[in-house]
Amino acid sequence: MDYAKSFFMDISVLRLGHRLPRDERISTHVALVARAFGASSIAYTGQHDAGLEDSVRKICGNWGGKVSIEYVKSHTSFIRKAKADGYCVVHLTMYGLPLQQKAPELRKRDKILVVVGSEHVPGEVYQMADFNISVTNQPHSEVAALAITLDRLTDGRELLPPEAGGFDFGGKLRIVPAERGKTVVNQ
């Protein structure tokens, strides 16, 4: 069974303000975390980056998952449409309310759009969000904040093997867990 179909909520991620070449690595990591931790789609604003899109598609081709990636010109239009489509908008910011207080309420939602920033986040994003959430009220990485947030939203299912209720990505490649060494098998 595909991980997106076996999961109880639809999670999308919006990465704000992608800048070339400065954000190539960080935006790729945002996308990798989004895919591995259960998101079904990723959108990004800022500068269009075909390399980012190709990287995500290659990862999905080899490691599985059906996460889509798209470039959008306007974050406000994208957020408005998501809200109209029934998504709860969760903006990750160190200025927000603590994740541990709001996670139980967020887990009750069917659709969540997680917004992660880059450069200065426009004030309108704070106003449009249904929740402004912090992982910590200290400066930190948006990649770490996204990983922790998605882990809390999915109750840690990304950490479980498929046979124990974890995500089954169905990829060509799979890592066999080992204390030492690296074993990657073709499926």
N, C-alpha and C. Protein backbone atom coordinates (compact mmCIF):
# COMPACT_ATOMS: atom_id res chain seq x y z
N MET A 1 0.85 -1.19 0.00
CA MET A 1 0.00 0.00 0.00
C MET A 1 0.89 1.24 0.00
N ASP A 2 0.51 2.22 -0.75
CA ASP A 2 1.25 3.47 -0.87
C ASP A 2 1.15 4.27 0.44
N TYR A 3 2.26 4.89 0.85
CA TYR A 3 2.25 5.61 2.12
C TYR A 3 1.22 6.73 2.15
N ALA A 4 1.01 7.42 1.03
CA ALA A 4 0.06 8.54 1.02
C ALA A 4 -1.37 8.03 1.20
N LYS A 5 -1.69 6.84 0.70
CA LYS A 5 -3.03 6.29 0.83
C LYS A 5 -3.24 5.64 2.19
N SER A 6 -2.18 5.26 2.85
CA SER A 6 -2.32 4.59 4.13
C SER A 6 -2.31 5.58 5.29
N PHE A 7 -2.07 6.83 4.99
CA PHE A 7 -1.95 7.83 6.03
C PHE A 7 -3.28 8.52 6.29
N PHE A 8 -3.50 8.98 7.48
CA PHE A 8 -4.80 9.50 7.89
C PHE A 8 -5.04 10.97 7.57
N MET A 9 -4.04 11.72 7.15
CA MET A 9 -4.25 13.12 6.79
C MET A 9 -3.41 13.47 5.57
N ASP A 10 -3.87 14.48 4.85
CA ASP A 10 -3.16 14.97 3.68
C ASP A 10 -2.31 16.16 4.13
N ILE A 11 -1.00 16.02 3.98
CA ILE A 11 -0.08 17.09 4.38
C ILE A 11 0.63 17.60 3.14
N SER A 12 0.58 18.91 2.95
CA SER A 12 1.33 19.58 1.89
C SER A 12 2.29 20.57 2.55
N VAL A 13 3.36 20.88 1.83
CA VAL A 13 4.36 21.82 2.35
C VAL A 13 4.56 22.93 1.35
N LEU A 14 4.60 24.16 1.84
CA LEU A 14 4.91 25.33 1.02
C LEU A 14 6.20 25.95 1.53
N ARG A 15 7.21 25.99 0.69
CA ARG A 15 8.51 26.61 1.00
C ARG A 15 8.50 28.01 0.41
N LEU A 16 8.67 29.01 1.26
CA LEU A 16 8.65 30.41 0.82
C LEU A 16 10.04 30.90 0.42
N GLY A 17 10.09 31.73 -0.63
CA GLY A 17 11.27 32.52 -0.95
C GLY A 17 12.52 31.77 -1.33
N HIS A 18 12.42 30.73 -2.14
CA HIS A 18 13.61 29.99 -2.60
C HIS A 18 14.50 30.91 -3.42
N ARG A 19 15.79 30.97 -3.05
CA ARG A 19 16.76 31.84 -3.72
C ARG A 19 17.90 31.01 -4.28
N LEU A 20 18.21 31.24 -5.55
CA LEU A 20 19.35 30.58 -6.18
C LEU A 20 20.57 31.47 -6.10
N PRO A 21 21.74 30.97 -5.84
CA PRO A 21 22.07 29.60 -5.47
C PRO A 21 21.99 29.35 -3.96
N ARG A 22 21.69 30.40 -3.22
CA ARG A 22 21.78 30.35 -1.76
C ARG A 22 20.98 29.22 -1.12
N ASP A 23 19.77 28.96 -1.59
CA ASP A 23 18.88 28.01 -0.92
C ASP A 23 18.80 26.63 -1.57
N GLU A 24 19.65 26.38 -2.56
CA GLU A 24 19.54 25.10 -3.27
C GLU A 24 19.57 23.91 -2.31
N ARG A 25 20.54 23.88 -1.45
CA ARG A 25 20.70 22.74 -0.54
C ARG A 25 19.59 22.70 0.51
N ILE A 26 19.27 23.82 1.13
CA ILE A 26 18.25 23.85 2.18
C ILE A 26 16.87 23.50 1.61
N SER A 27 16.51 24.06 0.46
CA SER A 27 15.21 23.75 -0.13
C SER A 27 15.13 22.28 -0.52
N THR A 28 16.24 21.72 -0.99
CA THR A 28 16.26 20.28 -1.28
C THR A 28 16.03 19.49 -0.01
N HIS A 29 16.64 19.91 1.09
CA HIS A 29 16.45 19.22 2.36
C HIS A 29 15.03 19.36 2.88
N VAL A 30 14.43 20.53 2.68
CA VAL A 30 13.01 20.70 3.04
C VAL A 30 12.18 19.67 2.27
N ALA A 31 12.44 19.54 0.98
CA ALA A 31 11.69 18.59 0.15
C ALA A 31 11.95 17.15 0.57
N LEU A 32 13.19 16.81 0.88
CA LEU A 32 13.51 15.44 1.32
C LEU A 32 12.79 15.10 2.62
N VAL A 33 12.81 16.02 3.56
CA VAL A 33 12.11 15.80 4.84
C VAL A 33 10.61 15.69 4.60
N ALA A 34 10.06 16.57 3.79
CA ALA A 34 8.62 16.53 3.51
C ALA A 34 8.23 15.16 2.97
N ARG A 35 8.97 14.64 2.00
CA ARG A 35 8.68 13.34 1.41
C ARG A 35 8.82 12.22 2.43
N ALA A 36 9.95 12.19 3.12
CA ALA A 36 10.23 11.09 4.05
C ALA A 36 9.31 11.08 5.26
N PHE A 37 8.76 12.24 5.63
CA PHE A 37 7.93 12.34 6.83
C PHE A 37 6.44 12.42 6.52
N GLY A 38 6.05 12.09 5.27
CA GLY A 38 4.65 11.88 5.00
C GLY A 38 3.89 12.93 4.20
N ALA A 39 4.55 13.97 3.70
CA ALA A 39 3.83 14.95 2.89
C ALA A 39 3.50 14.36 1.52
N SER A 40 2.39 14.80 0.96
CA SER A 40 2.00 14.31 -0.37
C SER A 40 2.39 15.29 -1.47
N SER A 41 2.65 16.55 -1.10
CA SER A 41 3.03 17.52 -2.12
C SER A 41 3.88 18.63 -1.51
N ILE A 42 4.68 19.23 -2.39
CA ILE A 42 5.56 20.34 -2.02
C ILE A 42 5.39 21.42 -3.07
N ALA A 43 5.24 22.64 -2.62
CA ALA A 43 5.23 23.79 -3.52
C ALA A 43 6.28 24.77 -3.00
N TYR A 44 6.82 25.57 -3.90
CA TYR A 44 7.80 26.57 -3.47
C TYR A 44 7.62 27.85 -4.25
N THR A 45 7.98 28.95 -3.61
CA THR A 45 7.94 30.27 -4.23
C THR A 45 9.36 30.82 -4.31
N GLY A 46 9.49 31.99 -4.85
CA GLY A 46 10.81 32.61 -5.01
C GLY A 46 11.26 32.42 -6.44
N GLN A 47 12.45 31.90 -6.61
CA GLN A 47 12.99 31.67 -7.94
C GLN A 47 12.69 30.24 -8.39
N HIS A 48 12.27 30.10 -9.64
CA HIS A 48 12.03 28.76 -10.19
C HIS A 48 13.36 28.01 -10.27
N ASP A 49 13.33 26.72 -9.93
CA ASP A 49 14.54 25.91 -9.88
C ASP A 49 14.24 24.52 -10.42
N ALA A 50 14.49 24.32 -11.70
CA ALA A 50 14.25 23.02 -12.32
C ALA A 50 15.11 21.94 -11.68
N GLY A 51 16.31 22.31 -11.20
CA GLY A 51 17.19 21.35 -10.53
C GLY A 51 16.58 20.80 -9.26
N LEU A 52 15.92 21.64 -8.49
CA LEU A 52 15.23 21.20 -7.27
C LEU A 52 14.13 20.21 -7.64
N GLU A 53 13.35 20.55 -8.65
CA GLU A 53 12.26 19.68 -9.08
C GLU A 53 12.79 18.33 -9.57
N ASP A 54 13.87 18.36 -10.36
CA ASP A 54 14.47 17.12 -10.85
C ASP A 54 14.99 16.26 -9.70
N SER A 55 15.61 16.90 -8.71
CA SER A 55 16.13 16.15 -7.56
C SER A 55 15.01 15.40 -6.83
N VAL A 56 13.90 16.07 -6.61
CA VAL A 56 12.78 15.45 -5.91
C VAL A 56 12.23 14.29 -6.73
N ARG A 57 12.08 14.50 -8.03
CA ARG A 57 11.57 13.43 -8.90
C ARG A 57 12.50 12.22 -8.93
N LYS A 58 13.82 12.47 -8.95
CA LYS A 58 14.79 11.36 -8.94
C LYS A 58 14.73 10.58 -7.63
N ILE A 59 14.63 11.30 -6.52
CA ILE A 59 14.51 10.63 -5.22
C ILE A 59 13.28 9.74 -5.20
N CYS A 60 12.15 10.28 -5.66
CA CYS A 60 10.90 9.49 -5.69
C CYS A 60 11.05 8.30 -6.64
N GLY A 61 11.73 8.50 -7.76
CA GLY A 61 11.94 7.40 -8.70
C GLY A 61 12.74 6.26 -8.11
N ASN A 62 13.74 6.57 -7.32
CA ASN A 62 14.59 5.54 -6.72
C ASN A 62 14.07 5.02 -5.38
N TRP A 63 13.65 5.93 -4.53
CA TRP A 63 13.32 5.57 -3.15
C TRP A 63 11.81 5.46 -2.90
N GLY A 64 11.01 5.84 -3.89
CA GLY A 64 9.57 5.69 -3.77
C GLY A 64 8.89 6.92 -3.24
N GLY A 65 7.60 6.77 -3.04
CA GLY A 65 6.77 7.89 -2.62
C GLY A 65 6.20 8.59 -3.84
N LYS A 66 5.08 9.22 -3.66
CA LYS A 66 4.43 9.88 -4.77
C LYS A 66 4.28 11.37 -4.51
N VAL A 67 5.23 11.96 -3.82
CA VAL A 67 5.17 13.38 -3.52
C VAL A 67 5.37 14.17 -4.81
N SER A 68 4.54 15.18 -4.99
CA SER A 68 4.68 16.05 -6.16
C SER A 68 5.36 17.33 -5.73
N ILE A 69 5.97 18.00 -6.71
CA ILE A 69 6.60 19.29 -6.43
C ILE A 69 6.20 20.26 -7.53
N GLU A 70 5.90 21.50 -7.12
CA GLU A 70 5.54 22.52 -8.10
C GLU A 70 6.03 23.88 -7.66
N TYR A 71 6.33 24.70 -8.65
CA TYR A 71 6.69 26.09 -8.43
C TYR A 71 5.42 26.93 -8.51
N VAL A 72 5.25 27.84 -7.56
CA VAL A 72 4.12 28.78 -7.60
C VAL A 72 4.66 30.19 -7.48
N LYS A 73 4.06 31.10 -8.22
CA LYS A 73 4.54 32.48 -8.22
C LYS A 73 4.10 33.25 -6.98
N SER A 74 2.88 33.00 -6.54
CA SER A 74 2.31 33.80 -5.45
C SER A 74 1.96 32.94 -4.25
N HIS A 75 2.63 33.20 -3.14
CA HIS A 75 2.30 32.45 -1.93
C HIS A 75 0.90 32.79 -1.43
N THR A 76 0.49 34.05 -1.59
CA THR A 76 -0.84 34.43 -1.10
C THR A 76 -1.95 33.72 -1.88
N SER A 77 -1.82 33.65 -3.20
CA SER A 77 -2.82 32.93 -4.00
C SER A 77 -2.83 31.45 -3.64
N PHE A 78 -1.65 30.88 -3.46
CA PHE A 78 -1.55 29.46 -3.13
C PHE A 78 -2.19 29.17 -1.77
N ILE A 79 -1.90 30.00 -0.79
CA ILE A 79 -2.48 29.80 0.55
C ILE A 79 -3.99 30.00 0.51
N ARG A 80 -4.45 31.02 -0.19
CA ARG A 80 -5.91 31.24 -0.32
C ARG A 80 -6.61 30.02 -0.93
N LYS A 81 -6.01 29.47 -1.99
CA LYS A 81 -6.60 28.30 -2.64
C LYS A 81 -6.59 27.10 -1.70
N ALA A 82 -5.49 26.91 -0.98
CA ALA A 82 -5.42 25.80 -0.03
C ALA A 82 -6.51 25.92 1.02
N LYS A 83 -6.70 27.12 1.54
CA LYS A 83 -7.75 27.34 2.54
C LYS A 83 -9.13 27.06 1.94
N ALA A 84 -9.35 27.50 0.71
CA ALA A 84 -10.63 27.24 0.03
C ALA A 84 -10.85 25.75 -0.19
N ASP A 85 -9.75 25.00 -0.34
CA ASP A 85 -9.82 23.55 -0.53
C ASP A 85 -9.88 22.79 0.80
N GLY A 86 -10.00 23.52 1.91
CA GLY A 86 -10.17 22.88 3.20
C GLY A 86 -8.91 22.60 4.00
N TYR A 87 -7.79 23.16 3.57
CA TYR A 87 -6.54 22.95 4.30
C TYR A 87 -6.45 23.88 5.50
N CYS A 88 -5.95 23.36 6.58
CA CYS A 88 -5.58 24.15 7.75
C CYS A 88 -4.15 24.62 7.50
N VAL A 89 -3.91 25.92 7.56
CA VAL A 89 -2.59 26.47 7.26
C VAL A 89 -1.80 26.63 8.55
N VAL A 90 -0.66 25.93 8.61
CA VAL A 90 0.22 25.93 9.78
C VAL A 90 1.54 26.55 9.36
N HIS A 91 1.81 27.75 9.86
CA HIS A 91 3.05 28.46 9.54
C HIS A 91 4.05 28.19 10.66
N LEU A 92 5.21 27.66 10.29
CA LEU A 92 6.25 27.38 11.29
C LEU A 92 7.11 28.62 11.48
N THR A 93 7.15 29.11 12.71
CA THR A 93 7.91 30.31 13.04
C THR A 93 8.35 30.24 14.49
N MET A 94 9.51 30.76 14.78
CA MET A 94 9.97 30.73 16.18
C MET A 94 9.16 31.68 17.06
N TYR A 95 8.30 32.50 16.44
CA TYR A 95 7.48 33.44 17.19
C TYR A 95 6.10 32.87 17.54
N GLY A 96 5.81 31.66 17.10
CA GLY A 96 4.48 31.09 17.26
C GLY A 96 4.25 30.43 18.60
N LEU A 97 3.08 29.81 18.70
CA LEU A 97 2.71 29.05 19.90
C LEU A 97 3.41 27.69 19.87
N PRO A 98 3.73 27.14 21.03
CA PRO A 98 4.47 25.88 21.08
C PRO A 98 3.75 24.72 20.41
N LEU A 99 4.48 23.99 19.58
CA LEU A 99 3.95 22.83 18.86
C LEU A 99 3.33 21.82 19.82
N GLN A 100 3.99 21.57 20.94
CA GLN A 100 3.49 20.54 21.86
C GLN A 100 2.10 20.90 22.41
N GLN A 101 1.77 22.17 22.45
CA GLN A 101 0.43 22.57 22.91
C GLN A 101 -0.62 22.38 21.84
N LYS A 102 -0.25 22.57 20.58
CA LYS A 102 -1.21 22.57 19.48
C LYS A 102 -1.25 21.26 18.68
N ALA A 103 -0.26 20.41 18.84
CA ALA A 103 -0.20 19.17 18.05
C ALA A 103 -1.46 18.30 18.19
N PRO A 104 -2.01 18.10 19.38
CA PRO A 104 -3.23 17.28 19.46
C PRO A 104 -4.39 17.85 18.64
N GLU A 105 -4.52 19.16 18.63
CA GLU A 105 -5.57 19.80 17.84
C GLU A 105 -5.30 19.67 16.34
N LEU A 106 -4.04 19.80 15.95
CA LEU A 106 -3.68 19.70 14.54
C LEU A 106 -3.88 18.28 14.01
N ARG A 107 -3.62 17.27 14.83
CA ARG A 107 -3.77 15.87 14.41
C ARG A 107 -5.23 15.52 14.09
N LYS A 108 -6.17 16.33 14.52
CA LYS A 108 -7.58 16.09 14.23
C LYS A 108 -7.97 16.58 12.83
N ARG A 109 -7.10 17.30 12.17
CA ARG A 109 -7.39 17.88 10.85
C ARG A 109 -7.19 16.83 9.75
N ASP A 110 -7.96 16.96 8.68
CA ASP A 110 -7.83 16.06 7.53
C ASP A 110 -6.78 16.54 6.54
N LYS A 111 -6.63 17.86 6.44
CA LYS A 111 -5.71 18.46 5.47
C LYS A 111 -4.93 19.57 6.14
N ILE A 112 -3.61 19.51 5.97
CA ILE A 112 -2.74 20.54 6.56
C ILE A 112 -1.75 21.03 5.52
N LEU A 113 -1.62 22.34 5.41
CA LEU A 113 -0.57 22.96 4.62
C LEU A 113 0.43 23.54 5.61
N VAL A 114 1.65 23.01 5.59
CA VAL A 114 2.72 23.50 6.46
C VAL A 114 3.54 24.50 5.66
N VAL A 115 3.66 25.72 6.16
CA VAL A 115 4.39 26.78 5.49
C VAL A 115 5.72 26.99 6.22
N VAL A 116 6.82 26.88 5.46
CA VAL A 116 8.15 27.13 6.03
C VAL A 116 8.80 28.27 5.27
N GLY A 117 9.45 29.14 6.00
CA GLY A 117 10.05 30.33 5.41
C GLY A 117 11.45 30.11 4.92
N SER A 118 12.02 31.19 4.45
CA SER A 118 13.39 31.26 3.99
C SER A 118 13.90 32.62 4.41
N GLU A 119 13.84 33.55 3.49
CA GLU A 119 14.19 34.92 3.83
C GLU A 119 13.07 35.49 4.69
N HIS A 120 13.05 36.77 4.87
CA HIS A 120 12.02 37.44 5.67
C HIS A 120 10.63 36.99 5.23
N VAL A 121 9.83 36.49 6.18
CA VAL A 121 8.47 36.04 5.88
C VAL A 121 7.54 37.25 5.94
N PRO A 122 6.78 37.50 4.88
CA PRO A 122 5.85 38.64 4.88
C PRO A 122 4.81 38.51 5.99
N GLY A 123 4.46 39.64 6.58
CA GLY A 123 3.48 39.66 7.66
C GLY A 123 2.15 39.04 7.30
N GLU A 124 1.78 39.12 6.03
CA GLU A 124 0.50 38.55 5.60
C GLU A 124 0.44 37.04 5.82
N VAL A 125 1.59 36.36 5.79
CA VAL A 125 1.61 34.91 6.02
C VAL A 125 1.16 34.63 7.45
N TYR A 126 1.63 35.43 8.41
CA TYR A 126 1.22 35.27 9.80
C TYR A 126 -0.29 35.46 9.94
N GLN A 127 -0.84 36.42 9.18
CA GLN A 127 -2.27 36.71 9.25
C GLN A 127 -3.10 35.64 8.56
N MET A 128 -2.62 35.10 7.46
CA MET A 128 -3.36 34.08 6.71
C MET A 128 -3.34 32.71 7.38
N ALA A 129 -2.31 32.46 8.18
CA ALA A 129 -2.18 31.15 8.83
C ALA A 129 -3.30 30.93 9.84
N ASP A 130 -3.76 29.69 9.90
CA ASP A 130 -4.71 29.31 10.95
C ASP A 130 -3.96 29.14 12.27
N PHE A 131 -2.70 28.70 12.16
CA PHE A 131 -1.84 28.52 13.33
C PHE A 131 -0.44 29.00 13.00
N ASN A 132 0.15 29.82 13.87
CA ASN A 132 1.56 30.15 13.81
C ASN A 132 2.20 29.33 14.93
N ILE A 133 3.02 28.36 14.52
CA ILE A 133 3.52 27.33 15.44
C ILE A 133 5.03 27.42 15.56
N SER A 134 5.53 27.25 16.77
CA SER A 134 6.98 27.20 16.98
C SER A 134 7.38 25.83 17.50
N VAL A 135 8.52 25.38 17.02
CA VAL A 135 9.12 24.16 17.57
C VAL A 135 9.95 24.57 18.79
N THR A 136 10.53 25.73 18.71
CA THR A 136 11.23 26.36 19.81
C THR A 136 11.20 27.86 19.56
N ASN A 137 11.31 28.63 20.60
CA ASN A 137 11.32 30.09 20.44
C ASN A 137 12.75 30.62 20.34
N GLN A 138 13.62 29.81 19.77
CA GLN A 138 15.01 30.17 19.53
C GLN A 138 15.27 30.09 18.03
N PRO A 139 16.26 30.83 17.53
CA PRO A 139 16.62 30.68 16.11
C PRO A 139 17.00 29.22 15.82
N HIS A 140 16.49 28.70 14.72
CA HIS A 140 16.75 27.31 14.37
C HIS A 140 16.53 27.10 12.87
N SER A 141 16.75 25.90 12.42
CA SER A 141 16.63 25.55 11.01
C SER A 141 15.19 25.21 10.65
N GLU A 142 14.75 25.71 9.49
CA GLU A 142 13.42 25.35 9.01
C GLU A 142 13.33 23.87 8.68
N VAL A 143 14.45 23.24 8.33
CA VAL A 143 14.45 21.81 8.05
C VAL A 143 14.17 21.03 9.34
N ALA A 144 14.83 21.42 10.41
CA ALA A 144 14.60 20.76 11.70
C ALA A 144 13.17 20.99 12.18
N ALA A 145 12.69 22.21 12.04
CA ALA A 145 11.32 22.52 12.47
C ALA A 145 10.30 21.70 11.69
N LEU A 146 10.51 21.56 10.38
CA LEU A 146 9.60 20.77 9.56
C LEU A 146 9.63 19.31 9.98
N ALA A 147 10.82 18.75 10.19
CA ALA A 147 10.93 17.35 10.59
C ALA A 147 10.22 17.08 11.91
N ILE A 148 10.45 17.93 12.88
CA ILE A 148 9.82 17.73 14.19
C ILE A 148 8.30 17.88 14.08
N THR A 149 7.86 18.87 13.33
CA THR A 149 6.42 19.10 13.17
C THR A 149 5.75 17.91 12.49
N LEU A 150 6.33 17.45 11.38
CA LEU A 150 5.73 16.31 10.68
C LEU A 150 5.76 15.05 11.53
N ASP A 151 6.83 14.86 12.29
CA ASP A 151 6.89 13.71 13.20
C ASP A 151 5.75 13.76 14.22
N ARG A 152 5.49 14.92 14.77
CA ARG A 152 4.40 15.06 15.75
C ARG A 152 3.04 14.88 15.10
N LEU A 153 2.88 15.36 13.86
CA LEU A 153 1.60 15.24 13.17
C LEU A 153 1.29 13.79 12.78
N THR A 154 2.34 13.02 12.46
CA THR A 154 2.15 11.63 12.01
C THR A 154 2.35 10.62 13.13
N ASP A 155 2.50 11.09 14.35
CA ASP A 155 2.74 10.20 15.49
C ASP A 155 3.95 9.30 15.30
N GLY A 156 4.96 9.79 14.59
CA GLY A 156 6.20 9.04 14.42
C GLY A 156 6.12 7.85 13.48
N ARG A 157 5.09 7.78 12.65
CA ARG A 157 4.92 6.63 11.76
C ARG A 157 6.06 6.50 10.75
N GLU A 158 6.73 7.61 10.43
CA GLU A 158 7.83 7.54 9.48
C GLU A 158 9.01 6.76 10.03
N LEU A 159 9.03 6.56 11.33
CA LEU A 159 10.13 5.83 11.97
C LEU A 159 9.90 4.33 12.01
N LEU A 160 8.69 3.90 11.71
CA LEU A 160 8.34 2.48 11.78
C LEU A 160 8.54 1.80 10.42
N PRO A 161 8.88 0.51 10.44
CA PRO A 161 8.91 -0.23 9.17
C PRO A 161 7.47 -0.43 8.68
N PRO A 162 7.28 -0.63 7.38
CA PRO A 162 5.93 -0.78 6.84
C PRO A 162 5.12 -1.88 7.53
N GLU A 163 5.75 -2.98 7.87
CA GLU A 163 5.03 -4.09 8.50
C GLU A 163 4.54 -3.75 9.91
N ALA A 164 5.04 -2.67 10.48
CA ALA A 164 4.60 -2.23 11.81
C ALA A 164 3.73 -0.98 11.73
N GLY A 165 3.21 -0.67 10.53
CA GLY A 165 2.34 0.49 10.38
C GLY A 165 3.03 1.74 9.87
N GLY A 166 4.30 1.63 9.52
CA GLY A 166 5.02 2.78 8.97
C GLY A 166 4.72 2.97 7.50
N PHE A 167 5.32 3.96 6.91
CA PHE A 167 5.08 4.29 5.51
C PHE A 167 5.75 3.25 4.61
N ASP A 168 5.04 2.82 3.59
CA ASP A 168 5.61 1.95 2.56
C ASP A 168 5.77 2.79 1.31
N PHE A 169 6.99 3.19 1.02
CA PHE A 169 7.25 4.09 -0.08
C PHE A 169 7.25 3.39 -1.43
N GLY A 170 7.48 2.07 -1.42
CA GLY A 170 7.42 1.30 -2.65
C GLY A 170 8.48 1.67 -3.67
N GLY A 171 9.67 2.04 -3.26
CA GLY A 171 10.72 2.45 -4.19
C GLY A 171 11.50 1.30 -4.78
N LYS A 172 12.35 1.64 -5.73
CA LYS A 172 13.25 0.65 -6.34
C LYS A 172 14.33 0.24 -5.35
N LEU A 173 14.74 1.18 -4.50
CA LEU A 173 15.82 0.95 -3.55
C LEU A 173 15.28 0.93 -2.13
N ARG A 174 15.92 0.13 -1.29
CA ARG A 174 15.55 0.06 0.11
C ARG A 174 16.81 -0.21 0.93
N ILE A 175 16.92 0.46 2.05
CA ILE A 175 18.04 0.24 2.96
C ILE A 175 17.67 -0.86 3.94
N VAL A 176 18.58 -1.78 4.13
CA VAL A 176 18.41 -2.82 5.15
C VAL A 176 19.11 -2.30 6.40
N PRO A 177 18.35 -2.05 7.47
CA PRO A 177 18.97 -1.52 8.69
C PRO A 177 20.06 -2.44 9.23
N ALA A 178 21.16 -1.84 9.65
CA ALA A 178 22.28 -2.60 10.21
C ALA A 178 23.03 -1.71 11.19
N GLU A 179 23.57 -2.33 12.20
CA GLU A 179 24.36 -1.56 13.17
C GLU A 179 25.62 -1.00 12.52
N ARG A 180 26.22 -1.79 11.62
CA ARG A 180 27.42 -1.33 10.92
C ARG A 180 27.29 -1.72 9.45
N GLY A 181 27.90 -0.93 8.60
CA GLY A 181 27.86 -1.22 7.17
C GLY A 181 26.67 -0.57 6.50
N LYS A 182 26.66 -0.65 5.20
CA LYS A 182 25.60 -0.04 4.40
C LYS A 182 25.09 -1.09 3.42
N THR A 183 23.82 -1.42 3.56
CA THR A 183 23.22 -2.38 2.64
C THR A 183 22.00 -1.75 1.99
N VAL A 184 22.10 -1.58 0.67
CA VAL A 184 20.99 -1.05 -0.12
C VAL A 184 20.61 -2.15 -1.11
N VAL A 185 19.33 -2.50 -1.15
CA VAL A 185 18.87 -3.56 -2.04
C VAL A 185 17.89 -3.01 -3.07
N ASN A 186 17.90 -3.63 -4.24
CA ASN A 186 16.91 -3.33 -5.27
C ASN A 186 15.68 -4.17 -4.96
N GLN A 187 14.52 -3.55 -5.08
CA GLN A 187 13.27 -4.29 -4.81
C GLN A 187 12.64 -4.76 -6.10
